[in-house]
């Protein structure tokens, strides 16, 4: 979960919302690079380059704006965060057991 949160924080604080995937090439971690490109370009096919299956599903959900992909995530906290971010359902953050992660979820999905 820490890696996922790190990826999301990096994504949310980067130029990804500005749709500038050229900046993703500077990322040395291949999973983060694929996530960055997928979200910046809104191209879920880039998610196939992510090795972790939960992160891959999260990537597909956010990049493709398809919260149905969140159902493929095994971790319940990640699944709730995915539904909140990809589906815009802020209520999903209430299902996250960790207080910090729940607050992060509310902050991110409230955009």
PDB file of N, CA and C in Angstrom:
ATOM      1  N   UNK A   1       0.832  -1.195   0.000  1.00  0.00           N
ATOM      2  CA  UNK A   1       0.000   0.000   0.000  1.00  0.00           C
ATOM      3  C   UNK A   1       0.870   1.250   0.000  1.00  0.00           C
ATOM      4  N   UNK A   2       2.026   1.193   0.690  1.00  0.00           N
ATOM      5  CA  UNK A   2       2.907   2.360   0.730  1.00  0.00           C
ATOM      6  C   UNK A   2       3.385   2.722  -0.670  1.00  0.00           C
ATOM      7  N   UNK A   3       3.738   1.701  -1.471  1.00  0.00           N
ATOM      8  CA  UNK A   3       4.192   1.974  -2.832  1.00  0.00           C
ATOM      9  C   UNK A   3       3.077   2.605  -3.648  1.00  0.00           C
ATOM     10  N   UNK A   4       1.870   2.076  -3.501  1.00  0.00           N
ATOM     11  CA  UNK A   4       0.732   2.624  -4.237  1.00  0.00           C
ATOM     12  C   UNK A   4       0.498   4.079  -3.849  1.00  0.00           C
ATOM     13  N   UNK A   5       0.522   4.358  -2.560  1.00  0.00           N
ATOM     14  CA  UNK A   5       0.330   5.741  -2.116  1.00  0.00           C
ATOM     15  C   UNK A   5       1.441   6.630  -2.645  1.00  0.00           C
ATOM     16  N   UNK A   6       2.658   6.107  -2.648  1.00  0.00           N
ATOM     17  CA  UNK A   6       3.778   6.868  -3.198  1.00  0.00           C
ATOM     18  C   UNK A   6       3.565   7.170  -4.674  1.00  0.00           C
ATOM     19  N   UNK A   7       3.090   6.177  -5.399  1.00  0.00           N
ATOM     20  CA  UNK A   7       2.817   6.377  -6.820  1.00  0.00           C
ATOM     21  C   UNK A   7       1.728   7.425  -7.026  1.00  0.00           C
ATOM     22  N   UNK A   8       0.674   7.323  -6.225  1.00  0.00           N
ATOM     23  CA  UNK A   8      -0.420   8.287  -6.362  1.00  0.00           C
ATOM     24  C   UNK A   8       0.007   9.692  -5.958  1.00  0.00           C
ATOM     25  N   UNK A   9       0.789   9.787  -4.898  1.00  0.00           N
ATOM     26  CA  UNK A   9       1.277  11.104  -4.482  1.00  0.00           C
ATOM     27  C   UNK A   9       2.158  11.696  -5.563  1.00  0.00           C
ATOM     28  N   UNK A  10       3.042  10.873  -6.112  1.00  0.00           N
ATOM     29  CA  UNK A  10       3.904  11.358  -7.187  1.00  0.00           C
ATOM     30  C   UNK A  10       3.062  11.799  -8.383  1.00  0.00           C
ATOM     31  N   UNK A  11       2.045  11.021  -8.692  1.00  0.00           N
ATOM     32  CA  UNK A  11       1.160  11.353  -9.804  1.00  0.00           C
ATOM     33  C   UNK A  11       0.413  12.655  -9.552  1.00  0.00           C
ATOM     34  N   UNK A  12      -0.152  12.761  -8.369  1.00  0.00           N
ATOM     35  CA  UNK A  12      -0.984  13.920  -8.078  1.00  0.00           C
ATOM     36  C   UNK A  12      -0.183  15.202  -7.929  1.00  0.00           C
ATOM     37  N   UNK A  13       1.071  15.077  -7.523  1.00  0.00           N
ATOM     38  CA  UNK A  13       1.882  16.279  -7.355  1.00  0.00           C
ATOM     39  C   UNK A  13       2.713  16.584  -8.595  1.00  0.00           C
ATOM     40  N   UNK A  14       2.633  15.735  -9.598  1.00  0.00           N
ATOM     41  CA  UNK A  14       3.423  15.949 -10.809  1.00  0.00           C
ATOM     42  C   UNK A  14       2.593  16.655 -11.869  1.00  0.00           C
ATOM     43  N   UNK A  15       3.153  16.678 -13.068  1.00  0.00           N
ATOM     44  CA  UNK A  15       2.461  17.332 -14.180  1.00  0.00           C
ATOM     45  C   UNK A  15       1.460  16.405 -14.855  1.00  0.00           C
ATOM     46  N   UNK A  16       1.152  15.273 -14.234  1.00  0.00           N
ATOM     47  CA  UNK A  16       0.251  14.313 -14.872  1.00  0.00           C
ATOM     48  C   UNK A  16      -1.105  14.921 -15.179  1.00  0.00           C
ATOM     49  N   UNK A  17      -1.628  15.742 -14.263  1.00  0.00           N
ATOM     50  CA  UNK A  17      -2.911  16.368 -14.537  1.00  0.00           C
ATOM     51  C   UNK A  17      -2.807  17.345 -15.695  1.00  0.00           C
ATOM     52  N   UNK A  18      -1.614  17.832 -15.947  1.00  0.00           N
ATOM     53  CA  UNK A  18      -1.405  18.766 -17.053  1.00  0.00           C
ATOM     54  C   UNK A  18      -1.286  18.027 -18.382  1.00  0.00           C
ATOM     55  N   UNK A  19      -1.399  16.695 -18.326  1.00  0.00           N
ATOM     56  CA  UNK A  19      -1.335  15.877 -19.535  1.00  0.00           C
ATOM     57  C   UNK A  19       0.006  16.006 -20.239  1.00  0.00           C
ATOM     58  N   UNK A  20       1.090  16.001 -19.487  1.00  0.00           N
ATOM     59  CA  UNK A  20       2.416  16.148 -20.047  1.00  0.00           C
ATOM     60  C   UNK A  20       3.204  14.874 -19.808  1.00  0.00           C
ATOM     61  N   UNK A  21       2.945  13.859 -20.612  1.00  0.00           N
ATOM     62  CA  UNK A  21       3.597  12.572 -20.393  1.00  0.00           C
ATOM     63  C   UNK A  21       5.074  12.598 -20.738  1.00  0.00           C
ATOM     64  N   UNK A  22       5.547  13.652 -21.390  1.00  0.00           N
ATOM     65  CA  UNK A  22       6.974  13.726 -21.698  1.00  0.00           C
ATOM     66  C   UNK A  22       7.806  13.756 -20.421  1.00  0.00           C
ATOM     67  N   UNK A  23       7.252  14.263 -19.346  1.00  0.00           N
ATOM     68  CA  UNK A  23       7.953  14.298 -18.069  1.00  0.00           C
ATOM     69  C   UNK A  23       8.085  12.911 -17.450  1.00  0.00           C
ATOM     70  N   UNK A  24       7.247  11.984 -17.856  1.00  0.00           N
ATOM     71  CA  UNK A  24       7.277  10.630 -17.301  1.00  0.00           C
ATOM     72  C   UNK A  24       8.577   9.904 -17.653  1.00  0.00           C
ATOM     73  N   UNK A  25       9.208  10.292 -18.728  1.00  0.00           N
ATOM     74  CA  UNK A  25      10.454   9.664 -19.139  1.00  0.00           C
ATOM     75  C   UNK A  25      11.590   9.882 -18.160  1.00  0.00           C
ATOM     76  N   UNK A  26      11.460  10.850 -17.278  1.00  0.00           N
ATOM     77  CA  UNK A  26      12.496  11.133 -16.289  1.00  0.00           C
ATOM     78  C   UNK A  26      12.366  10.250 -15.048  1.00  0.00           C
ATOM     79  N   UNK A  27      11.307   9.487 -14.958  1.00  0.00           N
ATOM     80  CA  UNK A  27      11.076   8.606 -13.817  1.00  0.00           C
ATOM     81  C   UNK A  27      11.849   7.315 -14.041  1.00  0.00           C
ATOM     82  N   UNK A  28      12.669   6.926 -13.064  1.00  0.00           N
ATOM     83  CA  UNK A  28      13.501   5.734 -13.238  1.00  0.00           C
ATOM     84  C   UNK A  28      12.784   4.442 -12.870  1.00  0.00           C
ATOM     85  N   UNK A  29      11.802   4.479 -11.995  1.00  0.00           N
ATOM     86  CA  UNK A  29      11.051   3.282 -11.633  1.00  0.00           C
ATOM     87  C   UNK A  29      10.071   2.959 -12.753  1.00  0.00           C
ATOM     88  N   UNK A  30      10.173   1.751 -13.303  1.00  0.00           N
ATOM     89  CA  UNK A  30       9.359   1.401 -14.476  1.00  0.00           C
ATOM     90  C   UNK A  30       7.865   1.382 -14.169  1.00  0.00           C
ATOM     91  N   UNK A  31       7.470   0.942 -12.967  1.00  0.00           N
ATOM     92  CA  UNK A  31       6.057   0.950 -12.606  1.00  0.00           C
ATOM     93  C   UNK A  31       5.521   2.375 -12.526  1.00  0.00           C
ATOM     94  N   UNK A  32       6.267   3.261 -11.893  1.00  0.00           N
ATOM     95  CA  UNK A  32       5.847   4.655 -11.783  1.00  0.00           C
ATOM     96  C   UNK A  32       5.804   5.324 -13.151  1.00  0.00           C
ATOM     97  N   UNK A  33       6.770   4.986 -13.990  1.00  0.00           N
ATOM     98  CA  UNK A  33       6.808   5.564 -15.330  1.00  0.00           C
ATOM     99  C   UNK A  33       5.570   5.149 -16.132  1.00  0.00           C
ATOM    100  N   UNK A  34       5.219   3.874 -16.063  1.00  0.00           N
ATOM    101  CA  UNK A  34       4.032   3.385 -16.779  1.00  0.00           C
ATOM    102  C   UNK A  34       2.769   4.028 -16.225  1.00  0.00           C
ATOM    103  N   UNK A  35       2.677   4.144 -14.896  1.00  0.00           N
ATOM    104  CA  UNK A  35       1.515   4.784 -14.276  1.00  0.00           C
ATOM    105  C   UNK A  35       1.410   6.237 -14.721  1.00  0.00           C
ATOM    106  N   UNK A  36       2.521   6.927 -14.713  1.00  0.00           N
ATOM    107  CA  UNK A  36       2.545   8.334 -15.130  1.00  0.00           C
ATOM    108  C   UNK A  36       2.057   8.486 -16.565  1.00  0.00           C
ATOM    109  N   UNK A  37       2.593   7.678 -17.452  1.00  0.00           N
ATOM    110  CA  UNK A  37       2.190   7.768 -18.868  1.00  0.00           C
ATOM    111  C   UNK A  37       0.714   7.418 -19.050  1.00  0.00           C
ATOM    112  N   UNK A  38       0.274   6.385 -18.373  1.00  0.00           N
ATOM    113  CA  UNK A  38      -1.121   5.953 -18.506  1.00  0.00           C
ATOM    114  C   UNK A  38      -2.081   7.045 -18.075  1.00  0.00           C
ATOM    115  N   UNK A  39      -1.792   7.665 -16.942  1.00  0.00           N
ATOM    116  CA  UNK A  39      -2.700   8.684 -16.415  1.00  0.00           C
ATOM    117  C   UNK A  39      -2.575   9.989 -17.185  1.00  0.00           C
ATOM    118  N   UNK A  40      -1.365  10.383 -17.509  1.00  0.00           N
ATOM    119  CA  UNK A  40      -1.171  11.638 -18.238  1.00  0.00           C
ATOM    120  C   UNK A  40      -1.813  11.584 -19.622  1.00  0.00           C
ATOM    121  N   UNK A  41      -1.684  10.435 -20.277  1.00  0.00           N
ATOM    122  CA  UNK A  41      -2.247  10.287 -21.625  1.00  0.00           C
ATOM    123  C   UNK A  41      -3.662   9.710 -21.609  1.00  0.00           C
ATOM    124  N   UNK A  42      -4.157   9.381 -20.410  1.00  0.00           N
ATOM    125  CA  UNK A  42      -5.442   8.703 -20.265  1.00  0.00           C
ATOM    126  C   UNK A  42      -5.497   7.491 -21.196  1.00  0.00           C
ATOM    127  N   UNK A  43      -4.411   6.690 -21.104  1.00  0.00           N
ATOM    128  CA  UNK A  43      -4.235   5.535 -21.967  1.00  0.00           C
ATOM    129  C   UNK A  43      -3.998   4.291 -21.109  1.00  0.00           C
ATOM    130  N   UNK A  44      -5.041   3.548 -20.769  1.00  0.00           N
ATOM    131  CA  UNK A  44      -4.895   2.387 -19.901  1.00  0.00           C
ATOM    132  C   UNK A  44      -3.993   1.285 -20.454  1.00  0.00           C
ATOM    133  N   UNK A  45      -3.696   1.290 -21.736  1.00  0.00           N
ATOM    134  CA  UNK A  45      -2.823   0.244 -22.285  1.00  0.00           C
ATOM    135  C   UNK A  45      -1.419   0.315 -21.686  1.00  0.00           C
ATOM    136  N   UNK A  46      -1.010   1.490 -21.222  1.00  0.00           N
ATOM    137  CA  UNK A  46       0.296   1.635 -20.573  1.00  0.00           C
ATOM    138  C   UNK A  46       0.350   0.873 -19.249  1.00  0.00           C
ATOM    139  N   UNK A  47      -0.793   0.597 -18.659  1.00  0.00           N
ATOM    140  CA  UNK A  47      -0.855  -0.088 -17.363  1.00  0.00           C
ATOM    141  C   UNK A  47      -0.344  -1.521 -17.450  1.00  0.00           C
ATOM    142  N   UNK A  48      -0.345  -2.087 -18.626  1.00  0.00           N
ATOM    143  CA  UNK A  48       0.155  -3.444 -18.814  1.00  0.00           C
ATOM    144  C   UNK A  48       1.628  -3.591 -18.490  1.00  0.00           C
ATOM    145  N   UNK A  49       2.342  -2.484 -18.412  1.00  0.00           N
ATOM    146  CA  UNK A  49       3.769  -2.514 -18.095  1.00  0.00           C
ATOM    147  C   UNK A  49       4.033  -2.521 -16.591  1.00  0.00           C
ATOM    148  N   UNK A  50       2.987  -2.452 -15.787  1.00  0.00           N
ATOM    149  CA  UNK A  50       3.124  -2.460 -14.331  1.00  0.00           C
ATOM    150  C   UNK A  50       3.105  -3.907 -13.854  1.00  0.00           C
ATOM    151  N   UNK A  51       4.080  -4.280 -13.032  1.00  0.00           N
ATOM    152  CA  UNK A  51       4.232  -5.685 -12.640  1.00  0.00           C
ATOM    153  C   UNK A  51       3.261  -6.130 -11.543  1.00  0.00           C
ATOM    154  N   UNK A  52       2.840  -5.260 -10.651  1.00  0.00           N
ATOM    155  CA  UNK A  52       1.939  -5.628  -9.561  1.00  0.00           C
ATOM    156  C   UNK A  52       0.491  -5.588 -10.042  1.00  0.00           C
ATOM    157  N   UNK A  53      -0.246  -6.676  -9.830  1.00  0.00           N
ATOM    158  CA  UNK A  53      -1.604  -6.768 -10.376  1.00  0.00           C
ATOM    159  C   UNK A  53      -2.561  -5.754  -9.749  1.00  0.00           C
ATOM    160  N   UNK A  54      -2.427  -5.488  -8.447  1.00  0.00           N
ATOM    161  CA  UNK A  54      -3.291  -4.489  -7.813  1.00  0.00           C
ATOM    162  C   UNK A  54      -3.014  -3.096  -8.372  1.00  0.00           C
ATOM    163  N   UNK A  55      -1.752  -2.767  -8.539  1.00  0.00           N
ATOM    164  CA  UNK A  55      -1.389  -1.464  -9.099  1.00  0.00           C
ATOM    165  C   UNK A  55      -1.831  -1.345 -10.553  1.00  0.00           C
ATOM    166  N   UNK A  56      -1.763  -2.461 -11.258  1.00  0.00           N
ATOM    167  CA  UNK A  56      -2.214  -2.473 -12.650  1.00  0.00           C
ATOM    168  C   UNK A  56      -3.700  -2.154 -12.738  1.00  0.00           C
ATOM    169  N   UNK A  57      -4.488  -2.774 -11.874  1.00  0.00           N
ATOM    170  CA  UNK A  57      -5.935  -2.533 -11.861  1.00  0.00           C
ATOM    171  C   UNK A  57      -6.233  -1.087 -11.472  1.00  0.00           C
ATOM    172  N   UNK A  58      -5.512  -0.571 -10.489  1.00  0.00           N
ATOM    173  CA  UNK A  58      -5.691   0.823 -10.072  1.00  0.00           C
ATOM    174  C   UNK A  58      -5.369   1.753 -11.247  1.00  0.00           C
ATOM    175  N   UNK A  59      -4.293   1.456 -11.932  1.00  0.00           N
ATOM    176  CA  UNK A  59      -3.885   2.253 -13.085  1.00  0.00           C
ATOM    177  C   UNK A  59      -4.965   2.248 -14.170  1.00  0.00           C
ATOM    178  N   UNK A  60      -5.464   1.065 -14.499  1.00  0.00           N
ATOM    179  CA  UNK A  60      -6.519   0.963 -15.529  1.00  0.00           C
ATOM    180  C   UNK A  60      -7.764   1.743 -15.132  1.00  0.00           C
ATOM    181  N   UNK A  61      -8.103   1.662 -13.862  1.00  0.00           N
ATOM    182  CA  UNK A  61      -9.295   2.360 -13.378  1.00  0.00           C
ATOM    183  C   UNK A  61      -9.136   3.871 -13.492  1.00  0.00           C
ATOM    184  N   UNK A  62      -7.996   4.389 -13.051  1.00  0.00           N
ATOM    185  CA  UNK A  62      -7.790   5.839 -13.060  1.00  0.00           C
ATOM    186  C   UNK A  62      -7.562   6.353 -14.476  1.00  0.00           C
ATOM    187  N   UNK A  63      -6.699   5.680 -15.234  1.00  0.00           N
ATOM    188  CA  UNK A  63      -6.389   6.139 -16.594  1.00  0.00           C
ATOM    189  C   UNK A  63      -7.599   6.032 -17.516  1.00  0.00           C
ATOM    190  N   UNK A  64      -8.381   4.966 -17.328  1.00  0.00           N
ATOM    191  CA  UNK A  64      -9.540   4.762 -18.187  1.00  0.00           C
ATOM    192  C   UNK A  64     -10.829   5.290 -17.607  1.00  0.00           C
ATOM    193  N   UNK A  65     -10.735   5.849 -16.403  1.00  0.00           N
ATOM    194  CA  UNK A  65     -11.908   6.355 -15.694  1.00  0.00           C
ATOM    195  C   UNK A  65     -13.015   5.301 -15.649  1.00  0.00           C
ATOM    196  N   UNK A  66     -12.589   4.076 -15.282  1.00  0.00           N
ATOM    197  CA  UNK A  66     -13.515   2.952 -15.199  1.00  0.00           C
ATOM    198  C   UNK A  66     -13.395   2.314 -13.821  1.00  0.00           C
ATOM    199  N   UNK A  67     -14.224   2.718 -12.909  1.00  0.00           N
ATOM    200  CA  UNK A  67     -14.137   2.199 -11.549  1.00  0.00           C
ATOM    201  C   UNK A  67     -14.427   0.705 -11.479  1.00  0.00           C
ATOM    202  N   UNK A  68     -14.989   0.129 -12.523  1.00  0.00           N
ATOM    203  CA  UNK A  68     -15.243  -1.319 -12.531  1.00  0.00           C
ATOM    204  C   UNK A  68     -13.929  -2.101 -12.434  1.00  0.00           C
ATOM    205  N   UNK A  69     -12.821  -1.516 -12.883  1.00  0.00           N
ATOM    206  CA  UNK A  69     -11.510  -2.166 -12.795  1.00  0.00           C
ATOM    207  C   UNK A  69     -11.056  -2.320 -11.344  1.00  0.00           C
ATOM    208  N   UNK A  70     -11.605  -1.524 -10.447  1.00  0.00           N
ATOM    209  CA  UNK A  70     -11.225  -1.578  -9.031  1.00  0.00           C
ATOM    210  C   UNK A  70     -11.585  -2.918  -8.407  1.00  0.00           C
ATOM    211  N   UNK A  71     -12.554  -3.605  -8.959  1.00  0.00           N
ATOM    212  CA  UNK A  71     -12.963  -4.899  -8.438  1.00  0.00           C
ATOM    213  C   UNK A  71     -11.888  -5.964  -8.552  1.00  0.00           C
ATOM    214  N   UNK A  72     -10.868  -5.715  -9.362  1.00  0.00           N
ATOM    215  CA  UNK A  72      -9.780  -6.676  -9.533  1.00  0.00           C
ATOM    216  C   UNK A  72      -8.671  -6.495  -8.495  1.00  0.00           C
ATOM    217  N   UNK A  73      -8.815  -5.514  -7.624  1.00  0.00           N
ATOM    218  CA  UNK A  73      -7.816  -5.250  -6.589  1.00  0.00           C
ATOM    219  C   UNK A  73      -8.127  -6.115  -5.373  1.00  0.00           C
ATOM    220  N   UNK A  74      -7.121  -6.811  -4.873  1.00  0.00           N
ATOM    221  CA  UNK A  74      -7.303  -7.730  -3.746  1.00  0.00           C
ATOM    222  C   UNK A  74      -7.352  -7.011  -2.401  1.00  0.00           C
ATOM    223  N   UNK A  75      -6.583  -5.972  -2.230  1.00  0.00           N
ATOM    224  CA  UNK A  75      -6.514  -5.253  -0.962  1.00  0.00           C
ATOM    225  C   UNK A  75      -7.745  -4.355  -0.821  1.00  0.00           C
ATOM    226  N   UNK A  76      -8.492  -4.528   0.265  1.00  0.00           N
ATOM    227  CA  UNK A  76      -9.749  -3.791   0.429  1.00  0.00           C
ATOM    228  C   UNK A  76      -9.533  -2.278   0.557  1.00  0.00           C
ATOM    229  N   UNK A  77      -8.457  -1.857   1.218  1.00  0.00           N
ATOM    230  CA  UNK A  77      -8.183  -0.423   1.323  1.00  0.00           C
ATOM    231  C   UNK A  77      -7.862   0.181  -0.043  1.00  0.00           C
ATOM    232  N   UNK A  78      -7.043  -0.532  -0.827  1.00  0.00           N
ATOM    233  CA  UNK A  78      -6.715  -0.056  -2.168  1.00  0.00           C
ATOM    234  C   UNK A  78      -7.955  -0.035  -3.055  1.00  0.00           C
ATOM    235  N   UNK A  79      -8.800  -1.044  -2.886  1.00  0.00           N
ATOM    236  CA  UNK A  79     -10.023  -1.118  -3.685  1.00  0.00           C
ATOM    237  C   UNK A  79     -10.931   0.075  -3.399  1.00  0.00           C
ATOM    238  N   UNK A  80     -11.084   0.408  -2.133  1.00  0.00           N
ATOM    239  CA  UNK A  80     -11.922   1.555  -1.768  1.00  0.00           C
ATOM    240  C   UNK A  80     -11.318   2.857  -2.300  1.00  0.00           C
ATOM    241  N   UNK A  81      -9.993   2.999  -2.182  1.00  0.00           N
ATOM    242  CA  UNK A  81      -9.347   4.209  -2.684  1.00  0.00           C
ATOM    243  C   UNK A  81      -9.510   4.314  -4.200  1.00  0.00           C
ATOM    244  N   UNK A  82      -9.387   3.183  -4.868  1.00  0.00           N
ATOM    245  CA  UNK A  82      -9.551   3.145  -6.315  1.00  0.00           C
ATOM    246  C   UNK A  82     -10.947   3.614  -6.715  1.00  0.00           C
ATOM    247  N   UNK A  83     -11.948   3.087  -6.043  1.00  0.00           N
ATOM    248  CA  UNK A  83     -13.334   3.473  -6.359  1.00  0.00           C
ATOM    249  C   UNK A  83     -13.573   4.955  -6.091  1.00  0.00           C
ATOM    250  N   UNK A  84     -12.945   5.460  -5.050  1.00  0.00           N
ATOM    251  CA  UNK A  84     -13.105   6.879  -4.725  1.00  0.00           C
ATOM    252  C   UNK A  84     -12.468   7.762  -5.788  1.00  0.00           C
ATOM    253  N   UNK A  85     -11.261   7.401  -6.210  1.00  0.00           N
ATOM    254  CA  UNK A  85     -10.536   8.236  -7.175  1.00  0.00           C
ATOM    255  C   UNK A  85     -11.085   8.065  -8.587  1.00  0.00           C
ATOM    256  N   UNK A  86     -11.216   6.820  -9.032  1.00  0.00           N
ATOM    257  CA  UNK A  86     -11.647   6.566 -10.413  1.00  0.00           C
ATOM    258  C   UNK A  86     -13.122   6.856 -10.618  1.00  0.00           C
ATOM    259  N   UNK A  87     -13.916   6.574  -9.596  1.00  0.00           N
ATOM    260  CA  UNK A  87     -15.355   6.743  -9.742  1.00  0.00           C
ATOM    261  C   UNK A  87     -15.897   8.019  -9.138  1.00  0.00           C
ATOM    262  N   UNK A  88     -15.026   8.749  -8.444  1.00  0.00           N
ATOM    263  CA  UNK A  88     -15.475   9.995  -7.829  1.00  0.00           C
ATOM    264  C   UNK A  88     -16.440   9.774  -6.675  1.00  0.00           C
ATOM    265  N   UNK A  89     -16.374   8.601  -6.054  1.00  0.00           N
ATOM    266  CA  UNK A  89     -17.281   8.268  -4.957  1.00  0.00           C
ATOM    267  C   UNK A  89     -16.562   8.481  -3.627  1.00  0.00           C
ATOM    268  N   UNK A  90     -16.644   9.680  -3.104  1.00  0.00           N
ATOM    269  CA  UNK A  90     -15.967  10.063  -1.876  1.00  0.00           C
ATOM    270  C   UNK A  90     -16.357   9.171  -0.696  1.00  0.00           C
ATOM    271  N   UNK A  91     -17.561   8.608  -0.702  1.00  0.00           N
ATOM    272  CA  UNK A  91     -18.022   7.739   0.382  1.00  0.00           C
ATOM    273  C   UNK A  91     -17.153   6.494   0.532  1.00  0.00           C
ATOM    274  N   UNK A  92     -16.494   6.059  -0.560  1.00  0.00           N
ATOM    275  CA  UNK A  92     -15.639   4.875  -0.506  1.00  0.00           C
ATOM    276  C   UNK A  92     -14.465   5.073   0.458  1.00  0.00           C
ATOM    277  N   UNK A  93     -14.039   6.308   0.675  1.00  0.00           N
ATOM    278  CA  UNK A  93     -12.915   6.581   1.572  1.00  0.00           C
ATOM    279  C   UNK A  93     -13.236   6.158   2.998  1.00  0.00           C
ATOM    280  N   UNK A  94     -14.494   6.141   3.359  1.00  0.00           N
ATOM    281  CA  UNK A  94     -14.902   5.723   4.693  1.00  0.00           C
ATOM    282  C   UNK A  94     -14.660   4.248   4.968  1.00  0.00           C
ATOM    283  N   UNK A  95     -14.440   3.449   3.937  1.00  0.00           N
ATOM    284  CA  UNK A  95     -14.189   2.020   4.109  1.00  0.00           C
ATOM    285  C   UNK A  95     -12.716   1.715   4.357  1.00  0.00           C
ATOM    286  N   UNK A  96     -11.867   2.723   4.270  1.00  0.00           N
ATOM    287  CA  UNK A  96     -10.432   2.533   4.470  1.00  0.00           C
ATOM    288  C   UNK A  96     -10.139   2.547   5.967  1.00  0.00           C
ATOM    289  N   UNK A  97      -9.484   1.492   6.444  1.00  0.00           N
ATOM    290  CA  UNK A  97      -9.237   1.305   7.872  1.00  0.00           C
ATOM    291  C   UNK A  97      -8.178   2.254   8.431  1.00  0.00           C
ATOM    292  N   UNK A  98      -7.158   2.563   7.663  1.00  0.00           N
ATOM    293  CA  UNK A  98      -6.069   3.420   8.119  1.00  0.00           C
ATOM    294  C   UNK A  98      -6.491   4.884   8.020  1.00  0.00           C
ATOM    295  N   UNK A  99      -6.391   5.611   9.139  1.00  0.00           N
ATOM    296  CA  UNK A  99      -6.841   7.009   9.170  1.00  0.00           C
ATOM    297  C   UNK A  99      -6.107   7.909   8.197  1.00  0.00           C
ATOM    298  N   UNK A 100      -4.781   7.742   8.082  1.00  0.00           N
ATOM    299  CA  UNK A 100      -4.005   8.568   7.160  1.00  0.00           C
ATOM    300  C   UNK A 100      -4.404   8.295   5.713  1.00  0.00           C
ATOM    301  N   UNK A 101      -4.566   7.025   5.388  1.00  0.00           N
ATOM    302  CA  UNK A 101      -4.948   6.662   4.030  1.00  0.00           C
ATOM    303  C   UNK A 101      -6.365   7.135   3.706  1.00  0.00           C
ATOM    304  N   UNK A 102      -7.239   7.082   4.704  1.00  0.00           N
ATOM    305  CA  UNK A 102      -8.608   7.555   4.510  1.00  0.00           C
ATOM    306  C   UNK A 102      -8.626   9.052   4.246  1.00  0.00           C
ATOM    307  N   UNK A 103      -7.827   9.802   5.014  1.00  0.00           N
ATOM    308  CA  UNK A 103      -7.733  11.256   4.806  1.00  0.00           C
ATOM    309  C   UNK A 103      -7.131  11.564   3.442  1.00  0.00           C
ATOM    310  N   UNK A 104      -6.097  10.812   3.067  1.00  0.00           N
ATOM    311  CA  UNK A 104      -5.487  10.980   1.743  1.00  0.00           C
ATOM    312  C   UNK A 104      -6.532  10.754   0.669  1.00  0.00           C
ATOM    313  N   UNK A 105      -7.304   9.699   0.823  1.00  0.00           N
ATOM    314  CA  UNK A 105      -8.352   9.353  -0.134  1.00  0.00           C
ATOM    315  C   UNK A 105      -9.357  10.486  -0.282  1.00  0.00           C
ATOM    316  N   UNK A 106      -9.813  11.026   0.847  1.00  0.00           N
ATOM    317  CA  UNK A 106     -10.781  12.134   0.798  1.00  0.00           C
ATOM    318  C   UNK A 106     -10.171  13.370   0.123  1.00  0.00           C
ATOM    319  N   UNK A 107      -8.913  13.618   0.411  1.00  0.00           N
ATOM    320  CA  UNK A 107      -8.257  14.773  -0.202  1.00  0.00           C
ATOM    321  C   UNK A 107      -8.093  14.633  -1.701  1.00  0.00           C
ATOM    322  N   UNK A 108      -7.717  13.447  -2.133  1.00  0.00           N
ATOM    323  CA  UNK A 108      -7.470  13.208  -3.557  1.00  0.00           C
ATOM    324  C   UNK A 108      -8.766  13.083  -4.342  1.00  0.00           C
ATOM    325  N   UNK A 109      -9.704  12.337  -3.833  1.00  0.00           N
ATOM    326  CA  UNK A 109     -10.934  12.099  -4.592  1.00  0.00           C
ATOM    327  C   UNK A 109     -11.871  13.304  -4.554  1.00  0.00           C
ATOM    328  N   UNK A 110     -11.611  14.246  -3.674  1.00  0.00           N
ATOM    329  CA  UNK A 110     -12.434  15.443  -3.595  1.00  0.00           C
ATOM    330  C   UNK A 110     -12.107  16.474  -4.646  1.00  0.00           C
ATOM    331  N   UNK A 111     -11.111  16.189  -5.490  1.00  0.00           N
ATOM    332  CA  UNK A 111     -10.711  17.154  -6.536  1.00  0.00           C
ATOM    333  C   UNK A 111     -11.735  17.234  -7.618  1.00  0.00           C
TER     334      UNK A 111
END
